[in-house]
Amino acid sequence: MSTITLHRPAFEELTFRQEFLRDPATMSYNHAYGGIVPFPRERWADWYGRWVEDGTGRHFYRYLRDDALGVFVGEAAYHFDEDACFCDIIVPAAYRGRGYGSQGLALLCEAARANGVARLWDDIAIDDPAVRLFLRSGFREVERTKAYILVAKDL
């Protein structure tokens, strides 16, 4: 298994995000909310300022980079919604099954802890296989509805 690192993307590197958000296989977990997500270049500046250059600590965003291969293999992020901190890991379909999600989630938890976050949450679609990743990574199920599973991990 390759080792990955968290990489703060440069503005022009947002093409990677644009590509995987429009890939139906990668975004299949998002079917209940429309599947693929448009991320046109004209939205990049506002998004980048809020997520990557955020000086408030309310947003954290990094790419997952396989340094041995020299490629981006996913994204890891968290943001505060009211007082809860929600996390996000997306590994493009072409890179799934290689341990990138587990490594990325561990790196994200370490970064969140280092930044003073006490607990991470995620609401995962009920039929999303990623729930297994979160449970294997120390998250616990907090709530289950017909639509999602809410998980949390104390850091």
C-alpha atoms as a PDB file:
ATOM      1  CA  MET A   1       0.000   0.000   0.000  1.00  0.00           C
ATOM      2  CA  SER A   2       1.329   3.430  -0.923  1.00  0.00           C
ATOM      3  CA  THR A   3       1.693   6.147   1.649  1.00  0.00           C
ATOM      4  CA  ILE A   4      -0.328   9.282   1.116  1.00  0.00           C
ATOM      5  CA  THR A   5      -0.026  12.829   2.398  1.00  0.00           C
ATOM      6  CA  LEU A   6      -2.370  15.764   2.764  1.00  0.00           C
ATOM      7  CA  HIS A   7      -1.722  18.373   0.077  1.00  0.00           C
ATOM      8  CA  ARG A   8      -3.028  21.937   0.151  1.00  0.00           C
ATOM      9  CA  PRO A   9      -4.105  22.413  -3.466  1.00  0.00           C
ATOM     10  CA  ALA A  10      -3.034  25.388  -5.505  1.00  0.00           C
ATOM     11  CA  PHE A  11      -5.870  27.189  -7.270  1.00  0.00           C
ATOM     12  CA  GLU A  12      -5.069  25.651 -10.677  1.00  0.00           C
ATOM     13  CA  GLU A  13      -5.074  22.159  -9.164  1.00  0.00           C
ATOM     14  CA  LEU A  14      -8.843  22.424  -8.673  1.00  0.00           C
ATOM     15  CA  THR A  15      -9.135  20.702 -12.058  1.00  0.00           C
ATOM     16  CA  PHE A  16      -8.703  17.429 -10.128  1.00  0.00           C
ATOM     17  CA  ARG A  17     -11.755  18.231  -7.984  1.00  0.00           C
ATOM     18  CA  GLN A  18     -13.738  19.346 -11.012  1.00  0.00           C
ATOM     19  CA  GLU A  19     -12.993  16.054 -12.772  1.00  0.00           C
ATOM     20  CA  PHE A  20     -13.975  13.670  -9.998  1.00  0.00           C
ATOM     21  CA  LEU A  21     -17.113  15.626  -9.076  1.00  0.00           C
ATOM     22  CA  ARG A  22     -18.403  15.124 -12.615  1.00  0.00           C
ATOM     23  CA  ASP A  23     -17.514  11.427 -12.735  1.00  0.00           C
ATOM     24  CA  PRO A  24     -20.719   9.336 -12.361  1.00  0.00           C
ATOM     25  CA  ALA A  25     -18.863   6.331 -10.885  1.00  0.00           C
ATOM     26  CA  THR A  26     -17.149   8.445  -8.229  1.00  0.00           C
ATOM     27  CA  MET A  27     -20.303  10.352  -7.357  1.00  0.00           C
ATOM     28  CA  SER A  28     -22.641   7.344  -7.350  1.00  0.00           C
ATOM     29  CA  TYR A  29     -22.871   7.566  -3.538  1.00  0.00           C
ATOM     30  CA  ASN A  30     -24.542  10.960  -4.058  1.00  0.00           C
ATOM     31  CA  HIS A  31     -27.428   9.568  -6.134  1.00  0.00           C
ATOM     32  CA  ALA A  32     -30.096  10.769  -3.696  1.00  0.00           C
ATOM     33  CA  TYR A  33     -28.849  14.344  -4.158  1.00  0.00           C
ATOM     34  CA  GLY A  34     -28.396  14.338  -7.910  1.00  0.00           C
ATOM     35  CA  GLY A  35     -25.206  12.322  -8.450  1.00  0.00           C
ATOM     36  CA  ILE A  36     -22.530  14.383 -10.157  1.00  0.00           C
ATOM     37  CA  VAL A  37     -21.826  17.902  -8.896  1.00  0.00           C
ATOM     38  CA  PRO A  38     -21.108  20.754 -11.327  1.00  0.00           C
ATOM     39  CA  PHE A  39     -17.974  22.690 -10.328  1.00  0.00           C
ATOM     40  CA  PRO A  40     -17.472  25.243 -13.117  1.00  0.00           C
ATOM     41  CA  ARG A  41     -14.323  27.362 -13.120  1.00  0.00           C
ATOM     42  CA  GLU A  42     -16.289  30.541 -12.429  1.00  0.00           C
ATOM     43  CA  ARG A  43     -17.146  29.162  -8.954  1.00  0.00           C
ATOM     44  CA  TRP A  44     -13.540  28.280  -8.072  1.00  0.00           C
ATOM     45  CA  ALA A  45     -12.401  31.621  -6.645  1.00  0.00           C
ATOM     46  CA  ASP A  46     -15.237  31.908  -4.126  1.00  0.00           C
ATOM     47  CA  TRP A  47     -14.999  28.227  -3.182  1.00  0.00           C
ATOM     48  CA  TYR A  48     -11.194  28.350  -2.863  1.00  0.00           C
ATOM     49  CA  GLY A  49     -11.330  31.416  -0.633  1.00  0.00           C
ATOM     50  CA  ARG A  50     -13.875  29.790   1.674  1.00  0.00           C
ATOM     51  CA  TRP A  51     -12.401  26.267   1.840  1.00  0.00           C
ATOM     52  CA  VAL A  52      -8.661  26.464   1.192  1.00  0.00           C
ATOM     53  CA  GLU A  53      -7.700  29.964   2.273  1.00  0.00           C
ATOM     54  CA  ASP A  54     -10.104  30.081   5.228  1.00  0.00           C
ATOM     55  CA  GLY A  55      -8.475  31.926   8.094  1.00  0.00           C
ATOM     56  CA  THR A  56     -11.310  31.324  10.546  1.00  0.00           C
ATOM     57  CA  GLY A  57     -10.660  27.627  11.188  1.00  0.00           C
ATOM     58  CA  ARG A  58     -14.228  26.763  10.159  1.00  0.00           C
ATOM     59  CA  HIS A  59     -13.102  24.965   6.980  1.00  0.00           C
ATOM     60  CA  PHE A  60     -10.218  22.615   6.213  1.00  0.00           C
ATOM     61  CA  TYR A  61      -9.606  21.154   2.751  1.00  0.00           C
ATOM     62  CA  ARG A  62      -6.752  19.045   1.363  1.00  0.00           C
ATOM     63  CA  TYR A  63      -6.113  16.624  -1.455  1.00  0.00           C
ATOM     64  CA  LEU A  64      -4.909  13.118  -0.740  1.00  0.00           C
ATOM     65  CA  ARG A  65      -1.658  12.663  -2.648  1.00  0.00           C
ATOM     66  CA  ASP A  66       0.127   9.406  -3.361  1.00  0.00           C
ATOM     67  CA  ASP A  67       3.688  10.708  -3.287  1.00  0.00           C
ATOM     68  CA  ALA A  68       5.184   7.536  -4.783  1.00  0.00           C
ATOM     69  CA  LEU A  69       2.906   7.786  -7.834  1.00  0.00           C
ATOM     70  CA  GLY A  70       2.908  11.593  -7.879  1.00  0.00           C
ATOM     71  CA  VAL A  71      -0.895  11.803  -8.262  1.00  0.00           C
ATOM     72  CA  PHE A  72      -3.882  13.051  -6.315  1.00  0.00           C
ATOM     73  CA  VAL A  73      -6.083  10.174  -5.146  1.00  0.00           C
ATOM     74  CA  GLY A  74      -8.853  11.939  -3.249  1.00  0.00           C
ATOM     75  CA  GLU A  75      -9.918  14.774  -1.015  1.00  0.00           C
ATOM     76  CA  ALA A  76     -10.264  15.189   2.744  1.00  0.00           C
ATOM     77  CA  ALA A  77     -12.129  18.031   4.390  1.00  0.00           C
ATOM     78  CA  TYR A  78     -14.013  19.180   7.437  1.00  0.00           C
ATOM     79  CA  HIS A  79     -16.200  22.142   8.216  1.00  0.00           C
ATOM     80  CA  PHE A  80     -18.219  23.452  11.110  1.00  0.00           C
ATOM     81  CA  ASP A  81     -21.998  23.471  10.759  1.00  0.00           C
ATOM     82  CA  GLU A  82     -23.265  25.333  13.822  1.00  0.00           C
ATOM     83  CA  ASP A  83     -21.156  23.765  16.592  1.00  0.00           C
ATOM     84  CA  ALA A  84     -20.651  20.323  15.016  1.00  0.00           C
ATOM     85  CA  CYS A  85     -17.668  19.567  12.792  1.00  0.00           C
ATOM     86  CA  PHE A  86     -18.538  17.424   9.762  1.00  0.00           C
ATOM     87  CA  CYS A  87     -15.908  15.604   7.734  1.00  0.00           C
ATOM     88  CA  ASP A  88     -15.712  14.419   4.150  1.00  0.00           C
ATOM     89  CA  ILE A  89     -13.523  11.908   2.330  1.00  0.00           C
ATOM     90  CA  ILE A  90     -13.892  11.241  -1.385  1.00  0.00           C
ATOM     91  CA  VAL A  91     -11.657   8.850  -3.294  1.00  0.00           C
ATOM     92  CA  PRO A  92     -12.323   8.764  -7.057  1.00  0.00           C
ATOM     93  CA  ALA A  93     -13.659   5.424  -8.273  1.00  0.00           C
ATOM     94  CA  ALA A  94     -10.432   4.682 -10.184  1.00  0.00           C
ATOM     95  CA  TYR A  95      -8.450   4.725  -6.897  1.00  0.00           C
ATOM     96  CA  ARG A  96     -10.841   2.873  -4.589  1.00  0.00           C
ATOM     97  CA  GLY A  97      -9.907  -0.392  -2.899  1.00  0.00           C
ATOM     98  CA  ARG A  98      -6.256   0.602  -2.336  1.00  0.00           C
ATOM     99  CA  GLY A  99      -6.474   1.847   1.265  1.00  0.00           C
ATOM    100  CA  TYR A 100      -6.505   5.537   0.357  1.00  0.00           C
ATOM    101  CA  GLY A 101      -9.789   6.170   2.172  1.00  0.00           C
ATOM    102  CA  SER A 102      -8.537   4.659   5.441  1.00  0.00           C
ATOM    103  CA  GLN A 103      -5.247   6.520   5.279  1.00  0.00           C
ATOM    104  CA  GLY A 104      -6.948   9.752   4.296  1.00  0.00           C
ATOM    105  CA  LEU A 105      -9.478   9.531   7.105  1.00  0.00           C
ATOM    106  CA  ALA A 106      -6.679   8.873   9.621  1.00  0.00           C
ATOM    107  CA  LEU A 107      -4.735  11.882   8.316  1.00  0.00           C
ATOM    108  CA  LEU A 108      -7.858  14.042   8.440  1.00  0.00           C
ATOM    109  CA  CYS A 109      -8.532  13.024  12.057  1.00  0.00           C
ATOM    110  CA  GLU A 110      -4.919  13.870  12.977  1.00  0.00           C
ATOM    111  CA  ALA A 111      -5.164  17.285  11.298  1.00  0.00           C
ATOM    112  CA  ALA A 112      -8.506  18.029  12.964  1.00  0.00           C
ATOM    113  CA  ARG A 113      -7.140  17.053  16.383  1.00  0.00           C
ATOM    114  CA  ALA A 114      -4.048  19.245  15.811  1.00  0.00           C
ATOM    115  CA  ASN A 115      -6.385  22.128  14.916  1.00  0.00           C
ATOM    116  CA  GLY A 116      -8.355  21.766  18.148  1.00  0.00           C
ATOM    117  CA  VAL A 117     -11.343  19.810  16.862  1.00  0.00           C
ATOM    118  CA  ALA A 118     -12.680  17.517  19.603  1.00  0.00           C
ATOM    119  CA  ARG A 119     -15.179  15.443  17.578  1.00  0.00           C
ATOM    120  CA  LEU A 120     -15.813  14.733  13.899  1.00  0.00           C
ATOM    121  CA  TRP A 121     -19.218  13.801  12.498  1.00  0.00           C
ATOM    122  CA  ASP A 122     -20.459  12.579   9.139  1.00  0.00           C
ATOM    123  CA  ASP A 123     -23.888  11.736   7.794  1.00  0.00           C
ATOM    124  CA  ILE A 124     -23.503   8.963   5.265  1.00  0.00           C
ATOM    125  CA  ALA A 125     -26.220   7.840   2.848  1.00  0.00           C
ATOM    126  CA  ILE A 126     -27.820   4.648   4.116  1.00  0.00           C
ATOM    127  CA  ASP A 127     -26.688   2.675   1.061  1.00  0.00           C
ATOM    128  CA  ASP A 128     -23.160   4.142   0.858  1.00  0.00           C
ATOM    129  CA  PRO A 129     -20.511   1.451   1.435  1.00  0.00           C
ATOM    130  CA  ALA A 130     -18.252   4.151   2.959  1.00  0.00           C
ATOM    131  CA  VAL A 131     -20.030   3.627   6.276  1.00  0.00           C
ATOM    132  CA  ARG A 132     -17.831   0.535   6.774  1.00  0.00           C
ATOM    133  CA  LEU A 133     -14.717   2.674   6.327  1.00  0.00           C
ATOM    134  CA  PHE A 134     -15.850   5.084   9.024  1.00  0.00           C
ATOM    135  CA  LEU A 135     -16.790   2.324  11.474  1.00  0.00           C
ATOM    136  CA  ARG A 136     -13.429   0.553  10.889  1.00  0.00           C
ATOM    137  CA  SER A 137     -11.719   3.905  11.518  1.00  0.00           C
ATOM    138  CA  GLY A 138     -13.130   4.323  15.020  1.00  0.00           C
ATOM    139  CA  PHE A 139     -16.321   6.235  14.276  1.00  0.00           C
ATOM    140  CA  ARG A 140     -19.439   5.036  16.061  1.00  0.00           C
ATOM    141  CA  GLU A 141     -22.991   5.019  14.793  1.00  0.00           C
ATOM    142  CA  VAL A 142     -25.014   7.703  16.556  1.00  0.00           C
ATOM    143  CA  GLU A 143     -28.259   7.676  14.600  1.00  0.00           C
ATOM    144  CA  ARG A 144     -29.847   5.798  11.714  1.00  0.00           C
ATOM    145  CA  THR A 145     -32.751   6.978   9.570  1.00  0.00           C
ATOM    146  CA  LYS A 146     -34.177   5.710   6.294  1.00  0.00           C
ATOM    147  CA  ALA A 147     -31.878   8.134   4.455  1.00  0.00           C
ATOM    148  CA  TYR A 148     -28.577   8.264   6.352  1.00  0.00           C
ATOM    149  CA  ILE A 149     -26.352   6.969   9.140  1.00  0.00           C
ATOM    150  CA  LEU A 150     -24.876   9.594  11.440  1.00  0.00           C
ATOM    151  CA  VAL A 151     -21.425   8.666  12.760  1.00  0.00           C
ATOM    152  CA  ALA A 152     -19.071  10.432  15.164  1.00  0.00           C
ATOM    153  CA  LYS A 153     -15.542  10.052  16.492  1.00  0.00           C
ATOM    154  CA  ASP A 154     -14.010  11.701  19.530  1.00  0.00           C
ATOM    155  CA  LEU A 155     -10.508  12.831  18.696  1.00  0.00           C
END
